[in-house]
Protein backbone atom coordinates (compact mmCIF):
# COMPACT_ATOMS: atom_id res chain seq x y z
CA MET A 1 134.09 269.22 -109.22
CA ALA A 2 131.47 267.94 -107.04
CA GLU A 3 128.38 266.27 -108.47
CA ILE A 4 125.68 268.69 -107.33
CA LEU A 5 122.46 267.73 -106.78
CA SER A 6 119.48 270.33 -106.27
CA ILE A 7 116.53 269.26 -104.00
CA HIS A 8 113.33 271.00 -102.91
CA SER A 9 112.92 270.44 -99.71
CA ASP A 10 109.32 270.36 -99.68
CA HIS A 11 109.15 267.26 -102.33
CA LEU A 12 112.36 265.33 -101.58
CA LYS A 13 113.56 262.83 -104.26
CA ARG A 14 115.17 259.60 -102.53
CA ARG A 15 117.03 258.89 -105.98
CA HIS A 16 119.11 262.24 -104.63
CA ILE A 17 119.16 261.31 -100.81
CA GLN A 18 120.29 257.58 -101.88
CA ARG A 19 122.72 258.79 -104.19
CA ALA A 20 124.12 261.27 -101.23
CA VAL A 21 123.94 258.34 -98.72
CA ASP A 22 126.36 256.33 -101.24
CA VAL A 23 128.49 258.93 -101.37
CA LEU A 24 128.85 259.29 -97.42
CA ARG A 25 129.27 255.43 -97.40
CA GLU A 26 132.47 255.29 -99.72
CA GLY A 27 133.61 257.73 -97.53
CA GLY A 28 132.71 260.71 -99.28
CA VAL A 29 132.31 264.33 -98.20
CA ILE A 30 129.60 266.38 -98.87
CA VAL A 31 128.05 269.62 -98.22
CA TYR A 32 124.03 269.75 -97.55
CA PRO A 33 121.29 272.03 -96.45
CA THR A 34 120.01 272.39 -92.91
CA ASP A 35 117.80 274.90 -90.80
CA THR A 36 120.55 277.31 -90.43
CA ILE A 37 123.45 276.99 -93.14
CA TYR A 38 124.74 274.96 -95.57
CA GLY A 39 126.93 272.07 -93.58
CA LEU A 40 129.81 270.13 -94.75
CA GLY A 41 129.31 266.37 -93.37
CA CYS A 42 130.36 262.82 -93.62
CA ASP A 43 129.84 259.37 -91.82
CA ILE A 44 131.37 259.89 -88.65
CA THR A 45 131.95 256.18 -88.28
CA ASN A 46 134.52 257.17 -91.05
CA GLN A 47 138.24 258.03 -89.49
CA ASN A 48 139.49 258.90 -93.14
CA ALA A 49 136.14 261.13 -93.74
CA ILE A 50 136.70 262.89 -90.68
CA GLU A 51 139.94 264.18 -91.38
CA ARG A 52 139.61 264.68 -94.92
CA VAL A 53 136.86 267.41 -93.36
CA GLN A 54 139.03 268.93 -91.00
CA LEU A 55 141.44 269.07 -93.76
CA ILE A 56 139.26 271.40 -95.91
CA LYS A 57 138.26 273.64 -93.24
CA GLY A 58 141.51 273.97 -91.96
CA ARG A 59 140.43 273.19 -88.76
CA ASP A 60 142.47 271.98 -85.77
CA LYS A 61 142.27 268.50 -84.67
CA LYS A 62 141.84 269.14 -81.39
CA LYS A 63 138.73 271.21 -81.69
CA PRO A 64 135.59 268.84 -82.18
CA MET A 65 132.96 268.71 -84.39
CA SER A 66 129.08 268.32 -83.34
CA PHE A 67 126.65 265.89 -85.47
CA VAL A 68 123.02 265.44 -86.67
CA CYS A 69 121.16 262.99 -85.33
CA ALA A 70 117.62 261.63 -86.38
CA ASP A 71 115.50 261.94 -83.12
CA LEU A 72 116.13 261.63 -79.27
CA THR A 73 116.53 258.18 -79.22
CA HIS A 74 118.98 258.38 -81.55
CA ILE A 75 120.88 260.94 -79.49
CA SER A 76 120.75 258.87 -76.24
CA ASP A 77 122.56 256.26 -78.30
CA TYR A 78 125.56 258.63 -78.56
CA ALA A 79 125.19 260.81 -75.34
CA HIS A 80 123.99 260.24 -71.81
CA VAL A 81 120.53 262.15 -71.60
CA SER A 82 119.13 263.23 -68.15
CA ASN A 83 115.95 263.35 -67.38
CA TYR A 84 116.36 267.12 -67.42
CA ALA A 85 118.26 267.13 -70.58
CA HIS A 86 115.87 264.94 -71.99
CA ARG A 87 112.67 267.70 -70.91
CA ILE A 88 115.00 270.29 -72.73
CA LEU A 89 115.61 268.61 -75.75
CA LYS A 90 111.92 267.38 -76.39
CA HIS A 91 111.22 270.64 -76.27
CA CYS A 92 113.77 272.25 -78.34
CA LEU A 93 114.46 269.90 -81.02
CA PRO A 94 113.81 269.61 -83.86
CA GLY A 95 115.54 273.12 -84.36
CA ALA A 96 118.49 275.34 -84.67
CA TYR A 97 120.14 274.06 -81.17
CA THR A 98 123.45 271.71 -81.02
CA PHE A 99 123.34 270.55 -77.45
CA VAL A 100 126.77 269.80 -75.60
CA LEU A 101 126.10 266.30 -73.60
CA PRO A 102 128.34 263.61 -71.95
CA ALA A 103 129.34 261.34 -74.83
CA THR A 104 128.56 257.33 -74.36
CA GLY A 105 131.12 255.00 -75.26
CA GLN A 106 129.75 254.83 -79.00
CA THR A 107 131.00 258.26 -79.92
CA PRO A 108 133.68 258.17 -82.00
CA ARG A 109 136.89 259.62 -79.71
CA VAL A 110 137.86 262.57 -82.62
CA LEU A 111 134.26 264.13 -81.93
CA GLN A 112 134.13 264.13 -78.08
CA THR A 113 136.04 266.88 -76.11
CA GLU A 114 138.96 266.71 -73.70
CA GLN A 115 135.95 266.69 -71.24
CA LYS A 116 134.36 263.49 -73.17
CA THR A 117 131.47 265.59 -74.15
CA VAL A 118 130.13 266.18 -77.40
CA GLY A 119 128.35 268.10 -79.60
CA LEU A 120 124.46 267.00 -81.04
CA ARG A 121 121.98 268.19 -83.37
CA ILE A 122 118.59 267.35 -84.33
CA PRO A 123 117.69 270.02 -87.45
CA ASP A 124 114.71 271.21 -88.21
CA HIS A 125 115.05 270.29 -91.98
CA PRO A 126 113.76 267.46 -94.06
CA VAL A 127 117.50 266.94 -96.24
CA PRO A 128 119.54 266.27 -93.47
CA LEU A 129 117.08 263.96 -91.22
CA ALA A 130 116.69 262.21 -94.61
CA LEU A 131 120.32 261.73 -95.07
CA VAL A 132 120.68 260.23 -91.34
CA GLU A 133 117.64 258.50 -91.26
CA THR A 134 118.92 256.75 -95.08
CA LEU A 135 122.13 256.29 -93.95
CA GLY A 136 121.37 254.71 -90.61
CA GLN A 137 123.84 256.55 -88.25
CA PRO A 138 124.64 259.90 -87.67
CA ILE A 139 126.43 262.52 -90.02
CA LEU A 140 128.90 265.25 -88.96
CA SER A 141 127.78 269.03 -89.07
CA THR A 142 130.27 271.46 -89.18
CA SER A 143 129.48 275.12 -91.45
CA ALA A 144 130.26 274.73 -94.92
CA ASN A 145 133.10 277.37 -95.21
CA PHE A 146 137.28 277.38 -94.80
CA SER A 147 138.05 277.64 -90.80
CA ALA A 148 138.67 281.91 -91.14
CA GLN A 149 135.84 282.70 -93.79
CA GLU A 150 132.61 283.54 -93.27
CA ALA A 151 129.80 280.80 -93.37
CA ILE A 152 128.38 280.59 -97.06
CA THR A 153 124.68 281.08 -97.34
CA GLU A 154 124.49 281.60 -101.01
CA PRO A 155 123.69 278.55 -102.86
CA TRP A 156 125.69 279.53 -106.15
CA GLN A 157 128.86 279.86 -103.92
CA LEU A 158 129.38 276.71 -103.01
CA GLN A 159 130.34 275.28 -106.29
CA ASP A 160 132.77 277.92 -106.72
CA GLU A 161 134.37 277.20 -102.97
CA LEU A 162 134.08 274.07 -102.16
CA GLY A 163 133.41 272.34 -105.16
CA SER A 164 136.42 271.06 -106.06
CA HIS A 165 137.24 269.74 -102.20
CA VAL A 166 133.48 267.88 -101.55
CA ASP A 167 132.43 264.84 -103.53
CA LEU A 168 128.66 266.07 -103.27
CA ILE A 169 126.69 269.58 -102.97
CA ILE A 170 122.97 269.21 -102.09
CA GLU A 171 121.66 272.28 -103.44
CA CYS A 172 118.24 273.65 -101.19
CA GLY A 173 118.13 277.11 -102.34
């Protein structure tokens, strides 16, 4: 079963964030809170971890997944951002939006659509932002559930549903 870390979003424990980042660096898969629902994620540079997320979800490998960036500068590393798009991003982020933009060469191919676009987020929640900042690169962002099921919104369900499939669960109430 997965290790569970309880975090209060107003008082992040750096040791918990560091523990989660260590799991990500080791190729692990985690469940983490976002500003909308719990997310299932991994280091976007680890192909095996991405494949594991696809397997856990039962997701078609051709269906792309988005990822979490730390800020607008970080987004520009992975997507071509026009002046117009930048103004929209600046107005809407951080927030509960995923923006689909043309991918740069730095974006892993597995996370790009056939049209060479990528979905990017900057959630309005301190946990995923702290994870990305500490890791130093984006993390995958897909809903914490199996593809045929509703998203898990109750913390107690995380362990029951996903505990045997992931390495770490960050529970935030």
